[in-house]
Amino acid sequence: MHPAPEASAGQPTGVRVSTDPAELDLDWIIAALSERAYWALGRSREVVERSIAGSLCFGAFDAGGHQVGFARVVTDQATFGWVCDVFVDEPARGRGIGSALVAAIAADERLAGLRLVLATRDAGDVYARHGFEPLRNPERWMERPRRK
């Protein structure tokens, strides 16, 4: 367990980011992803649980200890990491919680020196503030689409 530091300068007051798996509210995460995240709609509980088990997870919690954000990094902790499933509860958006999650990922010692990549439809500015930039050679990237 490697708890991330509490929110600091530039991060929202009263928000704490943690990487302690015991703190994650699995029911909240499953509902957030499978019912409200455009990229994960319909994702089953079993798939969400497996994805969490195979990733470094970051939870954002309000002053009352309620989970208000989530992100995970799929990584070998040696060379590469894929930042994904970054989600902030709708009523909590616009308060810097997504930025706090990305800052915690960028500051996590287990990810230091790794190439981190992600895909986003609408939050590029949040990631850019934390050092992310467009792919240098997107023409080299390929994908094998998920089979249903």
C-alpha atoms as a PDB file:
ATOM      1  CA  MET A   1       0.000   0.000   0.000  1.00  0.00           C
ATOM      2  CA  HIS A   2       1.435   3.303  -1.111  1.00  0.00           C
ATOM      3  CA  PRO A   3      -0.907   6.108  -0.132  1.00  0.00           C
ATOM      4  CA  ALA A   4      -0.512   9.136  -2.335  1.00  0.00           C
ATOM      5  CA  PRO A   5      -0.001  12.421  -0.537  1.00  0.00           C
ATOM      6  CA  GLU A   6      -2.989  14.456   0.515  1.00  0.00           C
ATOM      7  CA  ALA A   7      -4.016  17.261  -1.813  1.00  0.00           C
ATOM      8  CA  SER A   8      -1.468  20.058  -1.725  1.00  0.00           C
ATOM      9  CA  ALA A   9      -0.978  23.485  -3.316  1.00  0.00           C
ATOM     10  CA  GLY A  10      -2.894  23.693  -6.555  1.00  0.00           C
ATOM     11  CA  GLN A  11      -5.136  20.779  -5.625  1.00  0.00           C
ATOM     12  CA  PRO A  12      -8.685  21.029  -4.314  1.00  0.00           C
ATOM     13  CA  THR A  13      -9.066  21.607  -0.596  1.00  0.00           C
ATOM     14  CA  GLY A  14     -10.571  18.689   1.246  1.00  0.00           C
ATOM     15  CA  VAL A  15      -9.750  16.119  -1.430  1.00  0.00           C
ATOM     16  CA  ARG A  16      -7.460  13.255  -0.608  1.00  0.00           C
ATOM     17  CA  VAL A  17      -5.994  10.895  -3.204  1.00  0.00           C
ATOM     18  CA  SER A  18      -4.998   7.418  -2.092  1.00  0.00           C
ATOM     19  CA  THR A  19      -3.631   4.279  -3.725  1.00  0.00           C
ATOM     20  CA  ASP A  20      -4.700   2.026  -0.867  1.00  0.00           C
ATOM     21  CA  PRO A  21      -6.907  -0.666  -2.482  1.00  0.00           C
ATOM     22  CA  ALA A  22      -8.756  -1.155   0.820  1.00  0.00           C
ATOM     23  CA  GLU A  23     -10.158   2.379   0.566  1.00  0.00           C
ATOM     24  CA  LEU A  24     -11.716   1.953  -2.874  1.00  0.00           C
ATOM     25  CA  ASP A  25     -15.510   1.920  -2.936  1.00  0.00           C
ATOM     26  CA  LEU A  26     -16.010  -0.867  -5.450  1.00  0.00           C
ATOM     27  CA  ASP A  27     -19.762  -0.320  -5.766  1.00  0.00           C
ATOM     28  CA  TRP A  28     -19.203   3.384  -6.548  1.00  0.00           C
ATOM     29  CA  ILE A  29     -16.494   2.566  -9.117  1.00  0.00           C
ATOM     30  CA  ILE A  30     -18.595  -0.079 -10.862  1.00  0.00           C
ATOM     31  CA  ALA A  31     -21.609   2.236 -11.126  1.00  0.00           C
ATOM     32  CA  ALA A  32     -19.455   5.186 -12.226  1.00  0.00           C
ATOM     33  CA  LEU A  33     -17.739   3.271 -14.998  1.00  0.00           C
ATOM     34  CA  SER A  34     -20.466   0.944 -16.228  1.00  0.00           C
ATOM     35  CA  GLU A  35     -23.341   3.435 -16.002  1.00  0.00           C
ATOM     36  CA  ARG A  36     -21.823   6.920 -16.475  1.00  0.00           C
ATOM     37  CA  ALA A  37     -18.408   6.773 -18.208  1.00  0.00           C
ATOM     38  CA  TYR A  38     -18.881   6.961 -21.987  1.00  0.00           C
ATOM     39  CA  TRP A  39     -15.909   4.653 -22.647  1.00  0.00           C
ATOM     40  CA  ALA A  40     -17.014   1.913 -20.230  1.00  0.00           C
ATOM     41  CA  LEU A  41     -20.803   1.818 -20.476  1.00  0.00           C
ATOM     42  CA  GLY A  42     -22.071  -1.664 -19.779  1.00  0.00           C
ATOM     43  CA  ARG A  43     -18.778  -2.933 -18.383  1.00  0.00           C
ATOM     44  CA  SER A  44     -19.621  -5.836 -16.087  1.00  0.00           C
ATOM     45  CA  ARG A  45     -18.815  -5.982 -12.389  1.00  0.00           C
ATOM     46  CA  GLU A  46     -16.515  -8.941 -13.034  1.00  0.00           C
ATOM     47  CA  VAL A  47     -14.547  -7.021 -15.679  1.00  0.00           C
ATOM     48  CA  VAL A  48     -14.244  -3.935 -13.448  1.00  0.00           C
ATOM     49  CA  GLU A  49     -13.018  -6.088 -10.557  1.00  0.00           C
ATOM     50  CA  ARG A  50     -10.423  -7.809 -12.777  1.00  0.00           C
ATOM     51  CA  SER A  51      -9.269  -4.473 -14.195  1.00  0.00           C
ATOM     52  CA  ILE A  52      -8.768  -3.067 -10.705  1.00  0.00           C
ATOM     53  CA  ALA A  53      -6.889  -6.178  -9.571  1.00  0.00           C
ATOM     54  CA  GLY A  54      -4.445  -5.816 -12.472  1.00  0.00           C
ATOM     55  CA  SER A  55      -3.774  -2.090 -12.090  1.00  0.00           C
ATOM     56  CA  LEU A  56      -2.403   0.610  -9.806  1.00  0.00           C
ATOM     57  CA  CYS A  57      -5.551   2.404  -8.686  1.00  0.00           C
ATOM     58  CA  PHE A  58      -6.023   5.948  -7.431  1.00  0.00           C
ATOM     59  CA  GLY A  59      -9.116   6.987  -5.496  1.00  0.00           C
ATOM     60  CA  ALA A  60     -10.123  10.571  -4.735  1.00  0.00           C
ATOM     61  CA  PHE A  61     -12.079  11.119  -1.529  1.00  0.00           C
ATOM     62  CA  ASP A  62     -13.897  14.188  -0.223  1.00  0.00           C
ATOM     63  CA  ALA A  63     -13.608  15.552   3.312  1.00  0.00           C
ATOM     64  CA  GLY A  64     -16.306  13.127   4.457  1.00  0.00           C
ATOM     65  CA  GLY A  65     -14.376  10.146   3.101  1.00  0.00           C
ATOM     66  CA  HIS A  66     -16.741   9.519   0.176  1.00  0.00           C
ATOM     67  CA  GLN A  67     -15.189   8.483  -3.095  1.00  0.00           C
ATOM     68  CA  VAL A  68     -15.577  11.203  -5.732  1.00  0.00           C
ATOM     69  CA  GLY A  69     -12.966  10.149  -8.289  1.00  0.00           C
ATOM     70  CA  PHE A  70     -11.055   7.199  -9.662  1.00  0.00           C
ATOM     71  CA  ALA A  71      -8.205   6.476 -12.050  1.00  0.00           C
ATOM     72  CA  ARG A  72      -6.053   3.482 -12.784  1.00  0.00           C
ATOM     73  CA  VAL A  73      -2.753   2.752 -14.468  1.00  0.00           C
ATOM     74  CA  VAL A  74      -2.097  -0.540 -16.219  1.00  0.00           C
ATOM     75  CA  THR A  75       1.656  -0.950 -15.930  1.00  0.00           C
ATOM     76  CA  ASP A  76       4.638  -3.253 -15.723  1.00  0.00           C
ATOM     77  CA  GLN A  77       6.162  -0.713 -13.265  1.00  0.00           C
ATOM     78  CA  ALA A  78       9.380  -0.845 -15.292  1.00  0.00           C
ATOM     79  CA  THR A  79       8.908   0.736 -18.720  1.00  0.00           C
ATOM     80  CA  PHE A  80       5.303   1.559 -19.556  1.00  0.00           C
ATOM     81  CA  GLY A  81       1.927   2.588 -18.164  1.00  0.00           C
ATOM     82  CA  TRP A  82      -1.512   3.160 -19.638  1.00  0.00           C
ATOM     83  CA  VAL A  83      -3.554   5.760 -17.735  1.00  0.00           C
ATOM     84  CA  CYS A  84      -7.229   4.912 -18.000  1.00  0.00           C
ATOM     85  CA  ASP A  85     -10.663   5.008 -16.401  1.00  0.00           C
ATOM     86  CA  VAL A  86     -10.154   8.522 -15.041  1.00  0.00           C
ATOM     87  CA  PHE A  87     -13.585   9.485 -13.725  1.00  0.00           C
ATOM     88  CA  VAL A  88     -14.884  12.230 -11.430  1.00  0.00           C
ATOM     89  CA  ASP A  89     -18.391  12.165  -9.959  1.00  0.00           C
ATOM     90  CA  GLU A  90     -20.601  14.598 -11.876  1.00  0.00           C
ATOM     91  CA  PRO A  91     -21.483  16.864  -8.895  1.00  0.00           C
ATOM     92  CA  ALA A  92     -17.774  17.123  -8.011  1.00  0.00           C
ATOM     93  CA  ARG A  93     -16.546  18.126 -11.469  1.00  0.00           C
ATOM     94  CA  GLY A  94     -14.897  21.484 -12.027  1.00  0.00           C
ATOM     95  CA  ARG A  95     -13.169  21.457  -8.635  1.00  0.00           C
ATOM     96  CA  GLY A  96      -9.781  20.105  -9.765  1.00  0.00           C
ATOM     97  CA  ILE A  97     -10.336  16.506  -8.680  1.00  0.00           C
ATOM     98  CA  GLY A  98      -9.356  15.068 -12.064  1.00  0.00           C
ATOM     99  CA  SER A  99      -6.225  17.186 -11.981  1.00  0.00           C
ATOM    100  CA  ALA A 100      -5.468  15.929  -8.449  1.00  0.00           C
ATOM    101  CA  LEU A 101      -5.757  12.333  -9.678  1.00  0.00           C
ATOM    102  CA  VAL A 102      -3.434  12.990 -12.630  1.00  0.00           C
ATOM    103  CA  ALA A 103      -0.980  14.825 -10.338  1.00  0.00           C
ATOM    104  CA  ALA A 104      -0.922  11.825  -7.988  1.00  0.00           C
ATOM    105  CA  ILE A 105      -0.233   9.507 -10.919  1.00  0.00           C
ATOM    106  CA  ALA A 106       2.568  11.771 -12.168  1.00  0.00           C
ATOM    107  CA  ALA A 107       4.089  11.929  -8.670  1.00  0.00           C
ATOM    108  CA  ASP A 108       3.844   8.211  -7.837  1.00  0.00           C
ATOM    109  CA  GLU A 109       7.357   6.797  -7.381  1.00  0.00           C
ATOM    110  CA  ARG A 110       6.338   3.439  -8.866  1.00  0.00           C
ATOM    111  CA  LEU A 111       5.678   5.222 -12.159  1.00  0.00           C
ATOM    112  CA  ALA A 112       8.737   7.484 -12.168  1.00  0.00           C
ATOM    113  CA  GLY A 113      10.684   7.255 -15.409  1.00  0.00           C
ATOM    114  CA  LEU A 114       7.988   5.254 -17.196  1.00  0.00           C
ATOM    115  CA  ARG A 115       6.446   6.184 -20.506  1.00  0.00           C
ATOM    116  CA  LEU A 116       2.805   6.913 -19.710  1.00  0.00           C
ATOM    117  CA  VAL A 117       0.135   7.083 -22.406  1.00  0.00           C
ATOM    118  CA  LEU A 118      -3.584   7.705 -22.423  1.00  0.00           C
ATOM    119  CA  ALA A 119      -6.508   8.445 -24.666  1.00  0.00           C
ATOM    120  CA  THR A 120      -8.986  11.250 -24.043  1.00  0.00           C
ATOM    121  CA  ARG A 121     -11.882  12.758 -25.905  1.00  0.00           C
ATOM    122  CA  ASP A 122     -12.303  15.960 -23.933  1.00  0.00           C
ATOM    123  CA  ALA A 123      -9.741  16.439 -21.141  1.00  0.00           C
ATOM    124  CA  GLY A 124      -6.475  17.000 -23.016  1.00  0.00           C
ATOM    125  CA  ASP A 125      -5.819  20.281 -21.210  1.00  0.00           C
ATOM    126  CA  VAL A 126      -5.937  18.552 -17.809  1.00  0.00           C
ATOM    127  CA  TYR A 127      -3.336  16.016 -18.903  1.00  0.00           C
ATOM    128  CA  ALA A 128      -1.160  18.621 -20.673  1.00  0.00           C
ATOM    129  CA  ARG A 129      -0.802  20.511 -17.371  1.00  0.00           C
ATOM    130  CA  HIS A 130       0.875  17.383 -15.995  1.00  0.00           C
ATOM    131  CA  GLY A 131       3.354  16.849 -18.817  1.00  0.00           C
ATOM    132  CA  PHE A 132       1.326  14.758 -21.261  1.00  0.00           C
ATOM    133  CA  GLU A 133       1.637  15.656 -24.930  1.00  0.00           C
ATOM    134  CA  PRO A 134       0.364  14.234 -28.223  1.00  0.00           C
ATOM    135  CA  LEU A 135       2.031  11.055 -29.438  1.00  0.00           C
ATOM    136  CA  ARG A 136       5.279  11.829 -31.226  1.00  0.00           C
ATOM    137  CA  ASN A 137       4.759   9.076 -33.780  1.00  0.00           C
ATOM    138  CA  PRO A 138       1.071   8.204 -33.865  1.00  0.00           C
ATOM    139  CA  GLU A 139       1.545   6.503 -37.226  1.00  0.00           C
ATOM    140  CA  ARG A 140       3.520   3.769 -35.435  1.00  0.00           C
ATOM    141  CA  TRP A 141       0.704   2.884 -33.062  1.00  0.00           C
ATOM    142  CA  MET A 142      -1.773   0.171 -33.877  1.00  0.00           C
ATOM    143  CA  GLU A 143      -4.573  -1.457 -32.007  1.00  0.00           C
ATOM    144  CA  ARG A 144      -6.424  -4.735 -31.998  1.00  0.00           C
ATOM    145  CA  PRO A 145     -10.014  -3.723 -31.270  1.00  0.00           C
ATOM    146  CA  ARG A 146     -11.828  -5.472 -28.479  1.00  0.00           C
ATOM    147  CA  ARG A 147     -13.827  -8.427 -29.694  1.00  0.00           C
ATOM    148  CA  LYS A 148     -17.300  -8.802 -28.242  1.00  0.00           C
END
